[in-house]
C-alpha atoms as a PDB file:
ATOM      1  CA  UNK A   1       0.728 -40.472  -5.789  1.00  0.00           C
ATOM      2  CA  UNK A   2       2.370 -37.884  -3.519  1.00  0.00           C
ATOM      3  CA  UNK A   3       2.897 -35.530  -6.471  1.00  0.00           C
ATOM      4  CA  UNK A   4      -0.787 -35.780  -7.430  1.00  0.00           C
ATOM      5  CA  UNK A   5      -1.871 -35.093  -3.856  1.00  0.00           C
ATOM      6  CA  UNK A   6       0.471 -32.102  -3.695  1.00  0.00           C
ATOM      7  CA  UNK A   7      -0.856 -30.760  -6.990  1.00  0.00           C
ATOM      8  CA  UNK A   8      -4.442 -31.143  -5.752  1.00  0.00           C
ATOM      9  CA  UNK A   9      -3.603 -29.323  -2.519  1.00  0.00           C
ATOM     10  CA  UNK A  10      -1.929 -26.502  -4.461  1.00  0.00           C
ATOM     11  CA  UNK A  11      -4.947 -26.188  -6.793  1.00  0.00           C
ATOM     12  CA  UNK A  12      -7.289 -26.033  -3.801  1.00  0.00           C
ATOM     13  CA  UNK A  13      -5.163 -23.322  -2.164  1.00  0.00           C
ATOM     14  CA  UNK A  14      -4.987 -21.329  -5.399  1.00  0.00           C
ATOM     15  CA  UNK A  15      -8.774 -21.568  -5.745  1.00  0.00           C
ATOM     16  CA  UNK A  16      -9.299 -20.477  -2.135  1.00  0.00           C
ATOM     17  CA  UNK A  17      -6.892 -17.541  -2.528  1.00  0.00           C
ATOM     18  CA  UNK A  18      -8.587 -16.525  -5.778  1.00  0.00           C
ATOM     19  CA  UNK A  19     -11.993 -16.476  -4.077  1.00  0.00           C
ATOM     20  CA  UNK A  20     -10.651 -14.387  -1.188  1.00  0.00           C
ATOM     21  CA  UNK A  21      -8.999 -11.947  -3.609  1.00  0.00           C
ATOM     22  CA  UNK A  22     -12.294 -11.668  -5.485  1.00  0.00           C
ATOM     23  CA  UNK A  23     -14.203 -10.751  -2.339  1.00  0.00           C
ATOM     24  CA  UNK A  24     -11.574  -8.205  -1.298  1.00  0.00           C
ATOM     25  CA  UNK A  25     -11.578  -6.653  -4.791  1.00  0.00           C
ATOM     26  CA  UNK A  26     -15.366  -6.346  -4.706  1.00  0.00           C
ATOM     27  CA  UNK A  27     -15.071  -4.557  -1.370  1.00  0.00           C
ATOM     28  CA  UNK A  28     -12.331  -2.334  -2.879  1.00  0.00           C
ATOM     29  CA  UNK A  29      -9.873  -3.475  -0.209  1.00  0.00           C
ATOM     30  CA  UNK A  30      -7.044  -4.730  -2.445  1.00  0.00           C
ATOM     31  CA  UNK A  31      -5.472  -3.767  -5.732  1.00  0.00           C
ATOM     32  CA  UNK A  32      -2.180  -4.647  -7.384  1.00  0.00           C
ATOM     33  CA  UNK A  33       0.572  -2.911  -9.312  1.00  0.00           C
ATOM     34  CA  UNK A  34       3.942  -4.101 -10.513  1.00  0.00           C
ATOM     35  CA  UNK A  35       3.766  -7.410  -8.671  1.00  0.00           C
ATOM     36  CA  UNK A  36       2.898  -5.723  -5.371  1.00  0.00           C
ATOM     37  CA  UNK A  37      -0.414  -5.993  -3.581  1.00  0.00           C
ATOM     38  CA  UNK A  38      -1.811  -2.867  -1.956  1.00  0.00           C
ATOM     39  CA  UNK A  39      -4.538  -3.258   0.640  1.00  0.00           C
ATOM     40  CA  UNK A  40      -6.586  -1.278   3.107  1.00  0.00           C
ATOM     41  CA  UNK A  41      -8.926  -1.996   5.970  1.00  0.00           C
ATOM     42  CA  UNK A  42     -10.979   1.006   4.914  1.00  0.00           C
ATOM     43  CA  UNK A  43     -10.845   2.317   8.476  1.00  0.00           C
ATOM     44  CA  UNK A  44      -9.608   5.760   9.460  1.00  0.00           C
ATOM     45  CA  UNK A  45      -6.552   5.766  11.702  1.00  0.00           C
ATOM     46  CA  UNK A  46      -3.648   7.979  12.643  1.00  0.00           C
ATOM     47  CA  UNK A  47      -0.243   7.459  11.023  1.00  0.00           C
ATOM     48  CA  UNK A  48       1.281   5.482  13.908  1.00  0.00           C
ATOM     49  CA  UNK A  49      -1.700   3.099  14.035  1.00  0.00           C
ATOM     50  CA  UNK A  50      -1.628   2.603  10.258  1.00  0.00           C
ATOM     51  CA  UNK A  51       2.117   1.915  10.359  1.00  0.00           C
ATOM     52  CA  UNK A  52       1.684  -0.604  13.200  1.00  0.00           C
ATOM     53  CA  UNK A  53      -1.210  -2.416  11.508  1.00  0.00           C
ATOM     54  CA  UNK A  54       0.713  -2.677   8.234  1.00  0.00           C
ATOM     55  CA  UNK A  55       3.654  -4.263  10.061  1.00  0.00           C
ATOM     56  CA  UNK A  56       1.366  -6.645  11.977  1.00  0.00           C
ATOM     57  CA  UNK A  57      -0.137  -7.760   8.654  1.00  0.00           C
ATOM     58  CA  UNK A  58       3.346  -8.558   7.341  1.00  0.00           C
ATOM     59  CA  UNK A  59       3.532  -5.567   5.039  1.00  0.00           C
ATOM     60  CA  UNK A  60       4.586  -1.967   5.112  1.00  0.00           C
ATOM     61  CA  UNK A  61       2.904   1.370   4.701  1.00  0.00           C
ATOM     62  CA  UNK A  62       2.580   2.338   1.026  1.00  0.00           C
ATOM     63  CA  UNK A  63       5.575   3.959  -0.638  1.00  0.00           C
ATOM     64  CA  UNK A  64       4.836   4.767  -4.295  1.00  0.00           C
ATOM     65  CA  UNK A  65       7.938   4.251  -6.418  1.00  0.00           C
ATOM     66  CA  UNK A  66       6.377   4.743  -9.848  1.00  0.00           C
ATOM     67  CA  UNK A  67       3.169   6.016 -11.494  1.00  0.00           C
ATOM     68  CA  UNK A  68       1.482   2.585 -11.353  1.00  0.00           C
ATOM     69  CA  UNK A  69       2.018   2.259  -7.605  1.00  0.00           C
ATOM     70  CA  UNK A  70       0.868   5.840  -7.149  1.00  0.00           C
ATOM     71  CA  UNK A  71      -2.323   4.977  -9.068  1.00  0.00           C
ATOM     72  CA  UNK A  72      -2.864   1.906  -6.856  1.00  0.00           C
ATOM     73  CA  UNK A  73      -2.798   4.138  -3.762  1.00  0.00           C
ATOM     74  CA  UNK A  74      -4.969   6.759  -5.470  1.00  0.00           C
ATOM     75  CA  UNK A  75      -7.524   3.992  -6.123  1.00  0.00           C
ATOM     76  CA  UNK A  76      -8.118   3.741  -2.358  1.00  0.00           C
ATOM     77  CA  UNK A  77      -8.211   7.511  -1.902  1.00  0.00           C
ATOM     78  CA  UNK A  78     -10.943   7.751  -4.530  1.00  0.00           C
ATOM     79  CA  UNK A  79     -12.813   4.600  -3.444  1.00  0.00           C
ATOM     80  CA  UNK A  80     -13.017   5.641   0.201  1.00  0.00           C
ATOM     81  CA  UNK A  81     -13.055   9.422  -0.407  1.00  0.00           C
ATOM     82  CA  UNK A  82     -10.260   9.978   2.078  1.00  0.00           C
ATOM     83  CA  UNK A  83      -6.519  10.496   2.311  1.00  0.00           C
ATOM     84  CA  UNK A  84      -3.766   7.896   2.454  1.00  0.00           C
ATOM     85  CA  UNK A  85      -0.623   7.833   4.524  1.00  0.00           C
ATOM     86  CA  UNK A  86       2.642   7.218   2.695  1.00  0.00           C
ATOM     87  CA  UNK A  87       5.893   5.811   4.048  1.00  0.00           C
ATOM     88  CA  UNK A  88       7.622   9.134   3.450  1.00  0.00           C
ATOM     89  CA  UNK A  89       8.922  11.710   5.918  1.00  0.00           C
ATOM     90  CA  UNK A  90      10.646  15.062   5.837  1.00  0.00           C
ATOM     91  CA  UNK A  91      14.411  14.762   6.150  1.00  0.00           C
ATOM     92  CA  UNK A  92      16.610  16.897   8.371  1.00  0.00           C
ATOM     93  CA  UNK A  93      16.862  19.277   5.414  1.00  0.00           C
ATOM     94  CA  UNK A  94      13.618  21.300   5.277  1.00  0.00           C
ATOM     95  CA  UNK A  95      11.395  20.604   2.240  1.00  0.00           C
ATOM     96  CA  UNK A  96      13.394  17.451   1.365  1.00  0.00           C
ATOM     97  CA  UNK A  97      11.574  14.174   1.778  1.00  0.00           C
ATOM     98  CA  UNK A  98      12.745  10.571   2.060  1.00  0.00           C
ATOM     99  CA  UNK A  99      11.409   7.090   2.709  1.00  0.00           C
ATOM    100  CA  UNK A 100      10.978   6.105   6.356  1.00  0.00           C
ATOM    101  CA  UNK A 101      14.196   4.083   6.189  1.00  0.00           C
ATOM    102  CA  UNK A 102      16.099   7.235   5.170  1.00  0.00           C
ATOM    103  CA  UNK A 103      16.636   6.403   1.487  1.00  0.00           C
ATOM    104  CA  UNK A 104      16.119   9.068  -1.153  1.00  0.00           C
ATOM    105  CA  UNK A 105      12.907   9.325  -3.130  1.00  0.00           C
ATOM    106  CA  UNK A 106      13.336   8.302  -6.746  1.00  0.00           C
ATOM    107  CA  UNK A 107       9.763   9.150  -7.730  1.00  0.00           C
ATOM    108  CA  UNK A 108       7.386  11.899  -6.664  1.00  0.00           C
ATOM    109  CA  UNK A 109       4.076  13.155  -7.948  1.00  0.00           C
ATOM    110  CA  UNK A 110       3.378  16.107  -5.683  1.00  0.00           C
ATOM    111  CA  UNK A 111       0.760  18.769  -6.357  1.00  0.00           C
ATOM    112  CA  UNK A 112       2.179  22.243  -6.987  1.00  0.00           C
ATOM    113  CA  UNK A 113       3.781  23.669  -3.813  1.00  0.00           C
ATOM    114  CA  UNK A 114       3.292  20.376  -1.946  1.00  0.00           C
ATOM    115  CA  UNK A 115       4.239  19.024   0.396  1.00  0.00           C
ATOM    116  CA  UNK A 116       4.548  22.342   2.112  1.00  0.00           C
ATOM    117  CA  UNK A 117       6.188  21.034   5.283  1.00  0.00           C
ATOM    118  CA  UNK A 118       3.537  22.771   7.344  1.00  0.00           C
ATOM    119  CA  UNK A 119       2.033  20.643  10.096  1.00  0.00           C
ATOM    120  CA  UNK A 120       1.932  16.878   9.774  1.00  0.00           C
ATOM    121  CA  UNK A 121       1.912  15.714   6.186  1.00  0.00           C
END
């Protein structure tokens, strides 16, 4: 009896989650790639605010590690006709970039001559 009740509860949760995901997908606020879920509030914010809100939501700011993840981020850029912040920063060596935790980038897809290191990128 307990197993059946647990299975029913799990099915109800899965159904509820599926409905929420459906609504968020319709609003273009979530997408997935490689087992990761990428999401946005759709609001404009500065980098520090975006970083803080990602952490408060239990996630992290997007860090594309392959073409699929890059496409997931690009989906939001195109859907909201705006830019996206990435969890990447310039290292102590000019024109070299790394993840916020200091690890080396293993994947990049920069436009020609970008990032230029000029201003805040």
